[in-house]
Protein backbone atom coordinates (compact mmCIF):
# COMPACT_ATOMS: atom_id res chain seq x y z
CA MET A 1 2.90 185.43 124.24
CA PRO A 2 1.00 182.98 122.02
CA LEU A 3 -2.31 181.61 123.22
CA PRO A 4 -2.62 177.91 124.02
CA PRO A 5 -3.87 176.15 120.85
CA LYS A 6 -6.94 174.73 122.61
CA ILE A 7 -8.13 178.15 123.76
CA LYS A 8 -7.04 179.86 120.56
CA GLY A 9 -8.90 177.36 118.43
CA CYS A 10 -12.07 177.14 120.46
CA LEU A 11 -12.53 180.89 120.67
CA SER A 12 -11.20 181.74 117.21
CA LEU A 13 -9.11 184.34 119.03
CA VAL A 14 -5.67 185.48 118.02
CA SER A 15 -3.22 187.74 119.81
CA ASP A 16 -0.88 190.06 118.02
CA GLU A 17 2.38 191.70 118.97
CA GLN A 18 0.64 194.92 120.04
CA GLY A 19 -1.36 193.09 122.73
CA TYR A 20 -4.77 192.90 121.09
CA LEU A 21 -7.22 190.04 121.29
CA LYS A 22 -9.41 189.58 118.25
CA GLU A 23 -12.69 187.72 117.98
CA GLY A 24 -14.18 188.03 114.51
CA ALA A 25 -14.38 191.74 113.73
CA HIS A 26 -14.00 192.76 117.39
CA GLN A 27 -10.67 193.77 118.87
CA TYR A 28 -9.75 194.12 122.53
CA PHE A 29 -6.59 195.49 124.07
CA ALA A 30 -5.00 193.56 126.92
CA PRO A 31 -1.54 193.79 128.47
CA GLU A 32 0.50 190.72 127.76
CA GLN A 33 0.40 189.44 131.33
CA ASP A 34 -3.42 189.63 131.35
CA ARG A 35 -4.16 188.00 128.03
CA LEU A 36 -4.03 184.36 129.09
CA LEU A 37 -6.11 185.10 132.18
CA ILE A 38 -8.76 186.89 130.12
CA VAL A 39 -8.93 184.24 127.46
CA SER A 40 -9.05 181.46 130.07
CA TRP A 41 -12.02 183.15 131.73
CA ILE A 42 -13.82 183.60 128.38
CA PHE A 43 -13.08 179.98 127.52
CA LYS A 44 -14.55 178.79 130.83
CA LYS A 45 -17.73 180.87 130.39
CA MET A 46 -18.22 179.77 126.79
CA MET A 47 -17.76 176.11 127.68
CA GLU A 48 -20.78 176.27 130.01
CA HIS A 49 -23.40 176.52 127.26
CA ILE A 50 -23.67 177.97 123.78
CA PHE A 51 -26.83 179.46 122.27
CA ILE A 52 -26.76 179.65 118.48
CA PRO A 53 -29.15 180.62 115.68
CA PRO A 54 -30.91 177.76 113.85
CA LEU A 55 -28.72 175.90 111.37
CA SER A 56 -31.20 175.71 108.54
CA ARG A 57 -29.16 175.97 105.33
CA VAL A 58 -27.09 172.92 104.45
CA ALA A 59 -25.05 172.08 101.35
CA ILE A 60 -24.25 168.48 100.49
CA CYS A 61 -21.48 168.26 97.92
CA GLY A 62 -20.13 165.30 96.00
CA GLY A 63 -17.66 164.90 93.17
CA THR A 64 -15.15 167.43 94.46
CA HIS A 65 -12.85 164.68 93.27
CA GLY A 66 -14.54 163.33 90.16
CA ASN A 67 -13.54 159.68 90.61
CA GLU A 68 -14.75 159.35 94.22
CA LEU A 69 -18.12 157.97 93.31
CA SER A 70 -20.00 157.47 96.57
CA GLY A 71 -20.52 161.21 96.90
CA VAL A 72 -21.34 161.57 93.21
CA TYR A 73 -24.14 159.02 93.39
CA MET A 74 -25.31 160.32 96.77
CA VAL A 75 -25.83 163.80 95.33
CA ARG A 76 -27.46 162.44 92.17
CA GLU A 77 -29.86 160.34 94.25
CA LEU A 78 -30.84 163.33 96.40
CA GLN A 79 -31.39 165.37 93.25
CA LYS A 80 -33.40 162.57 91.67
CA GLN A 81 -35.64 162.38 94.74
CA LYS A 82 -35.87 166.20 94.71
CA ILE A 83 -34.95 166.41 98.38
CA HIS A 84 -34.55 170.12 98.98
CA GLN A 85 -36.22 170.48 102.37
CA THR A 86 -36.54 168.14 105.36
CA GLU A 87 -38.48 169.68 108.24
CA SER A 88 -36.34 172.63 109.43
CA VAL A 89 -33.40 172.06 107.09
CA SER A 90 -33.07 173.42 103.55
CA ILE A 91 -30.71 171.25 101.49
CA THR A 92 -28.64 172.38 98.51
CA THR A 93 -27.01 169.54 96.55
CA VAL A 94 -24.00 170.22 94.38
CA LEU A 95 -21.81 168.20 92.03
CA SER A 96 -18.69 170.17 92.81
CA ASN A 97 -16.48 169.30 89.85
CA PRO A 98 -18.78 168.28 86.97
CA ARG A 99 -16.04 168.10 84.32
CA ALA A 100 -13.96 165.74 86.47
CA VAL A 101 -17.09 163.69 87.26
CA ASP A 102 -17.84 163.32 83.54
CA ALA A 103 -14.24 162.24 82.90
CA CYS A 104 -14.13 160.09 86.09
CA ARG A 105 -10.87 161.78 87.08
CA ARG A 106 -9.78 163.28 90.39
CA TYR A 107 -9.42 166.67 88.70
CA MET A 108 -8.90 168.17 85.26
CA GLU A 109 -6.08 170.68 85.82
CA THR A 110 -5.51 171.07 89.57
CA ASP A 111 -6.95 169.66 92.77
CA LEU A 112 -10.22 171.50 93.44
CA ASN A 113 -10.03 170.63 97.13
CA ARG A 114 -6.89 172.75 97.48
CA CYS A 115 -8.39 175.88 95.89
CA PHE A 116 -10.32 177.51 98.75
CA THR A 117 -7.71 179.58 100.58
CA ASP A 118 -8.49 183.27 100.89
CA ALA A 119 -5.53 184.06 98.65
CA LEU A 120 -6.69 181.79 95.83
CA LEU A 121 -10.33 182.83 96.08
CA SER A 122 -9.38 186.50 95.85
CA ALA A 123 -6.88 186.07 93.00
CA PRO A 124 -7.93 187.63 89.68
CA ILE A 125 -9.06 185.39 86.84
CA THR A 126 -6.72 185.33 83.84
CA ASP A 127 -6.54 183.30 80.64
CA SER A 128 -4.19 180.87 82.40
CA THR A 129 -6.39 180.33 85.46
CA PRO A 130 -7.04 176.56 85.86
CA TYR A 131 -10.60 175.29 85.49
CA GLU A 132 -10.76 174.12 89.11
CA LEU A 133 -9.84 177.54 90.46
CA ARG A 134 -12.56 179.11 88.33
CA ARG A 135 -14.96 176.47 89.68
CA ALA A 136 -13.83 177.21 93.25
CA LYS A 137 -14.82 180.83 92.80
CA GLU A 138 -18.24 179.76 91.48
CA LEU A 139 -18.78 177.46 94.47
CA ASN A 140 -17.67 180.18 96.85
CA ALA A 141 -20.20 182.56 95.32
CA GLN A 142 -22.96 179.93 95.45
CA LEU A 143 -22.34 178.51 98.94
CA GLY A 144 -20.40 181.30 100.65
CA PRO A 145 -18.77 183.64 100.41
CA LYS A 146 -16.32 182.05 102.81
CA GLY A 147 -16.18 183.74 106.19
CA THR A 148 -19.38 185.78 105.71
CA PRO A 149 -22.88 185.68 107.26
CA GLU A 150 -24.25 184.75 103.82
CA ALA A 151 -22.44 181.39 103.78
CA VAL A 152 -24.45 178.19 104.24
CA ASP A 153 -24.74 177.12 107.86
CA LEU A 154 -23.17 173.71 107.24
CA LEU A 155 -21.26 172.41 104.24
CA CYS A 156 -20.87 168.64 104.06
CA ASP A 157 -18.39 167.44 101.43
CA LEU A 158 -18.38 163.73 100.52
CA HIS A 159 -15.17 161.85 99.75
CA ASN A 160 -13.78 158.36 99.26
CA THR A 161 -10.33 157.03 99.98
CA THR A 162 -8.54 153.91 98.82
CA ALA A 163 -7.07 153.62 102.32
CA ASN A 164 -8.71 151.56 105.06
CA MET A 165 -10.01 154.62 106.92
CA GLY A 166 -13.54 153.35 107.56
CA MET A 167 -15.87 156.22 108.47
CA CYS A 168 -13.84 159.34 109.13
CA LEU A 169 -14.88 162.97 109.55
CA LEU A 170 -12.53 165.88 108.93
CA PHE A 171 -13.13 169.37 110.24
CA ASP A 172 -11.06 172.51 110.57
CA SER A 173 -9.88 174.03 113.82
CA PHE A 174 -12.11 173.66 116.88
CA ASP A 175 -15.58 173.77 115.33
CA TRP A 176 -17.98 172.88 118.14
CA ILE A 177 -20.86 172.16 115.74
CA SER A 178 -18.75 169.70 113.75
CA MET A 179 -17.66 168.08 117.01
CA HIS A 180 -21.28 167.67 118.10
CA ILE A 181 -22.18 166.11 114.74
CA TYR A 182 -19.18 163.78 115.01
CA ASN A 183 -20.19 162.79 118.54
CA TYR A 184 -23.77 162.13 117.39
CA ILE A 185 -22.75 160.02 114.39
CA GLN A 186 -20.28 158.09 116.54
CA SER A 187 -23.00 157.31 119.08
CA LYS A 188 -25.50 156.14 116.45
CA MET A 189 -23.39 154.21 113.93
CA THR A 190 -22.71 150.69 115.13
CA SER A 191 -21.63 149.06 111.86
CA THR A 192 -18.15 150.58 111.83
CA PRO A 193 -15.80 152.68 113.99
CA VAL A 194 -16.28 156.42 113.47
CA ARG A 195 -13.18 158.59 113.82
CA ALA A 196 -12.29 162.23 113.22
CA ILE A 197 -9.31 164.24 112.05
CA GLN A 198 -9.06 167.78 113.34
CA MET A 199 -7.21 170.11 110.98
CA ASP A 200 -5.67 172.96 112.96
CA ILE A 201 -5.30 175.53 110.19
CA PRO A 202 -6.10 179.27 110.30
CA ILE A 203 -9.40 179.94 108.51
CA SER A 204 -7.73 182.12 105.88
CA GLU A 205 -5.44 179.23 104.95
CA THR A 206 -8.02 176.43 104.94
CA TYR A 207 -8.01 175.05 101.44
CA SER A 208 -10.84 172.53 101.24
CA LEU A 209 -14.43 173.01 100.08
CA GLU A 210 -16.10 172.47 103.46
CA SER A 211 -14.32 175.59 104.80
CA VAL A 212 -16.65 177.75 102.68
CA GLY A 213 -19.57 177.10 105.05
CA LYS A 214 -19.97 178.68 108.48
CA HIS A 215 -19.40 175.14 109.70
CA GLY A 216 -17.99 172.34 107.60
CA ILE A 217 -17.25 168.65 107.66
CA ALA A 218 -15.73 166.32 105.11
CA ILE A 219 -17.03 162.76 105.28
CA GLU A 220 -14.26 160.41 104.14
CA VAL A 221 -15.19 156.74 103.66
CA GLY A 222 -13.04 153.83 102.54
CA PRO A 223 -11.54 151.65 101.36
CA GLN A 224 -12.99 152.07 97.91
CA PRO A 225 -11.04 152.11 94.62
CA HIS A 226 -11.37 155.32 92.65
CA GLY A 227 -13.83 155.03 89.79
CA VAL A 228 -15.73 152.28 91.61
CA THR A 229 -18.86 152.21 93.79
CA ARG A 230 -19.21 149.72 96.64
CA ALA A 231 -22.65 149.26 98.24
CA ASP A 232 -21.28 148.93 101.77
CA ILE A 233 -19.23 152.12 101.45
CA PHE A 234 -22.14 154.00 99.87
CA ASN A 235 -24.47 152.92 102.68
CA MET A 236 -21.97 154.02 105.34
CA MET A 237 -21.80 157.44 103.72
CA LYS A 238 -25.58 157.65 103.40
CA GLU A 239 -26.04 156.79 107.08
CA ALA A 240 -23.60 159.52 108.10
CA VAL A 241 -25.39 162.09 105.91
CA ASP A 242 -28.80 161.03 107.26
CA LEU A 243 -27.55 161.30 110.86
CA THR A 244 -26.11 164.75 110.17
CA ILE A 245 -29.48 165.98 108.91
CA GLU A 246 -31.22 164.27 111.84
CA TRP A 247 -28.96 166.08 114.34
CA LEU A 248 -29.65 169.43 112.69
CA GLN A 249 -33.40 168.83 112.79
CA LYS A 250 -33.28 167.97 116.47
CA LEU A 251 -31.16 171.04 117.22
CA ASN A 252 -33.49 173.34 115.31
CA SER A 253 -36.52 171.78 117.03
CA GLY A 254 -35.27 172.82 120.45
CA SER A 255 -33.17 169.88 121.63
CA THR A 256 -30.20 170.63 123.85
CA PHE A 257 -27.06 168.63 123.16
CA GLU A 258 -24.83 168.25 126.18
CA GLY A 259 -21.16 168.99 126.02
CA GLY A 260 -18.45 166.45 126.57
CA GLU A 261 -15.26 165.06 125.13
CA VAL A 262 -14.36 163.22 121.95
CA GLU A 263 -11.15 161.67 120.71
CA ALA A 264 -9.71 162.86 117.43
CA TYR A 265 -6.46 162.83 115.50
CA THR A 266 -4.28 165.78 114.54
CA LEU A 267 -1.69 165.52 111.79
CA VAL A 268 1.97 165.68 112.78
CA LYS A 269 3.79 164.96 109.52
CA SER A 270 3.66 163.14 106.21
CA VAL A 271 5.95 160.29 105.15
CA ASP A 272 7.06 159.75 101.54
CA TYR A 273 8.03 156.45 99.96
CA PRO A 274 11.73 155.56 99.81
CA ARG A 275 13.09 156.80 96.49
CA ASP A 276 16.07 156.32 94.21
CA ARG A 277 18.36 159.32 94.67
CA THR A 278 19.10 159.52 90.96
CA THR A 279 15.75 158.82 89.30
CA ASN A 280 13.46 159.72 92.23
CA ASP A 281 11.51 156.53 91.51
CA ILE A 282 9.82 154.71 94.39
CA THR A 283 11.98 151.83 95.66
CA ALA A 284 9.60 150.25 98.19
CA ALA A 285 5.94 149.54 98.90
CA ILE A 286 3.95 149.80 102.11
CA HIS A 287 4.91 146.87 104.34
CA PRO A 288 2.19 144.19 104.66
CA GLN A 289 2.11 144.73 108.44
CA LEU A 290 1.23 148.39 107.93
CA GLN A 291 -1.09 147.99 104.94
CA ASP A 292 -4.78 148.40 105.92
CA ASN A 293 -3.83 149.27 109.51
CA ASP A 294 -4.81 152.92 109.52
CA PHE A 295 -5.29 154.29 113.05
CA LYS A 296 -3.23 151.45 114.59
CA LEU A 297 -0.48 152.84 116.81
CA LEU A 298 2.88 152.76 115.05
CA LYS A 299 5.80 152.17 117.41
CA PRO A 300 9.55 152.62 116.85
CA GLY A 301 10.88 149.56 115.09
CA ASP A 302 7.58 148.63 113.46
CA PRO A 303 7.95 147.85 109.73
CA ILE A 304 6.59 150.51 107.39
CA PHE A 305 8.08 149.73 103.96
CA LEU A 306 9.27 146.63 102.12
CA SER A 307 11.78 147.45 99.40
CA PHE A 308 11.53 145.83 96.01
CA SER A 309 14.84 144.11 96.75
CA GLY A 310 13.45 142.64 99.98
CA GLU A 311 14.71 144.93 102.76
CA THR A 312 12.41 146.12 105.54
CA VAL A 313 12.34 149.79 106.49
CA LYS A 314 11.31 150.40 110.09
CA HIS A 315 9.64 153.34 111.78
CA LYS A 316 11.92 155.70 113.69
CA GLY A 317 10.85 158.31 116.17
CA GLU A 318 7.86 158.73 118.45
CA GLU A 319 4.73 156.60 118.63
CA LEU A 320 2.13 157.98 116.23
CA TYR A 321 -0.95 156.84 114.31
CA PRO A 322 -0.76 156.23 110.54
CA LEU A 323 -3.58 157.65 108.38
CA PHE A 324 -4.41 157.39 104.67
CA VAL A 325 -1.97 154.52 104.29
CA ASN A 326 -1.13 153.88 100.62
CA GLU A 327 -3.82 156.31 99.41
CA CYS A 328 -3.82 156.16 95.61
CA ALA A 329 -4.34 159.90 95.11
CA TYR A 330 -1.36 160.78 97.30
CA TYR A 331 1.28 159.15 95.09
CA GLU A 332 1.48 162.36 93.05
CA LYS A 333 1.81 164.33 96.28
CA LYS A 334 4.69 162.09 97.40
CA ILE A 335 2.86 160.91 100.50
CA ALA A 336 2.86 157.26 101.53
CA PHE A 337 0.89 158.00 104.71
CA HIS A 338 0.30 160.67 107.30
CA LEU A 339 1.29 160.36 110.95
CA ALA A 340 -0.97 161.79 113.63
CA LYS A 341 -1.33 162.02 117.36
CA LYS A 342 -4.49 161.31 119.30
CA VAL A 343 -6.04 164.22 121.19
CA THR A 344 -9.07 164.77 123.38
CA LEU A 345 -11.35 167.63 122.33
CA THR A 346 -13.75 169.29 124.74
CA PHE A 347 -16.95 170.93 123.54
CA PRO A 348 -19.77 172.80 125.31
CA SER A 349 -23.48 172.02 125.41
CA VAL A 350 -25.42 173.74 122.65
CA SER A 351 -28.97 174.70 121.81
CA VAL A 352 -30.80 177.10 119.53
CA LYS A 353 -31.46 180.54 120.94
CA LYS A 354 -35.18 181.08 121.38
CA GLU A 355 -36.69 184.17 119.76
CA GLY A 356 -37.86 186.85 122.12
C-alpha cells in the first residue's frame, strides 16, 4: 500500500513490499494495515513543532547556466565585497559553470543542472565524460556530498528565465525549511508576486544543483533575455537572497517561526509546440493570449498556439496553470510550456534546538 504523497514527502518515508518503513538510515517493520496509521501519527506529532540544528553553512551559486547573468553578477558582487560571514551564517559563493559563463552560453556540452542525480554523480569518469558532468562531481565534492551530513545546510542556486515568471522559488519534495524561506520571502517582498514550484522527485533522482545541499532552493527570476542583465530583475533576485540570509540569521538567533500553509504549484505535464510530421519543424508560436500569462489559469478552449498559417490551437483537457511559457532554453527540450496544478502545502513551526 503506497503512502499518501503528502505524508511520504513530509517525512521522507518510503514503504517497500516487505512492509518496512524507512526514515533515513532507520528501518521499521509494520504490517501493511498498520503502516498508514503509524505514519499518520508520526506526521501529526512532527507537524506540532520541529527542533533543528543551526543552519550556519550556506552556498550561493550563480552561473549554473552561463548566460543567466543575474546570478553571475550577484555572485561576483558578493565575492568582490568579500562577504563570507554575516552574523551566524557562513557564506560560500560559487560560479557553478565558469566555462559557460566565460562563453556566455547555457552550457558547453550538456546541461549542468541535469547532472546531479545519484546515478550520474557516482558514474566513473572516462575520456568521453562531458565537462559539465566533471564539474558536477567537483561541486558535489565542494558543497556536498549530496545526502550526507557534510553537505552545506542550504544551497541557493540563482537562475533567470525568459518567461514572465516573476519571482519564483523551486524546491524538491516537501522541504519544510525551503517552505519557511518561501513563506518569509513572500511576506516581505511587496514589489512583485512570489510563487513556488514544488518538485516531487525522490532525492536520488533529483537532478539540479540545489539538491546537493541538506536543504535547497532555486531562485528563478524573469523575464530576462539570456545574455542580458536587467536592473529590476537583478534587484528582485538580490532582495530574495538578502531575505533568505535574514531568515537564517533570525532562526539561528533563537526565533521561532510558526507553521502554516502556503500555496505552490506542482508540475503535471509538459506541452511541445505543434510540429510538421515530416520535418519535425515547429509550425506555430505561443498564442498572444497565452504569452506572458504564466500562472494564469488555462481553461479548456483557451488559445495556446497560433500557427504560422493563421489557425488557433486551443487547450484541451483539465484546467491547469501554465509555467515557463515560451522559455528560450526549452526549445531544444521540445517544451513550449509546463502545465501545473495548484496545491496547498502545510509546514510545522520550527526553531533551533538549544544546547544542553
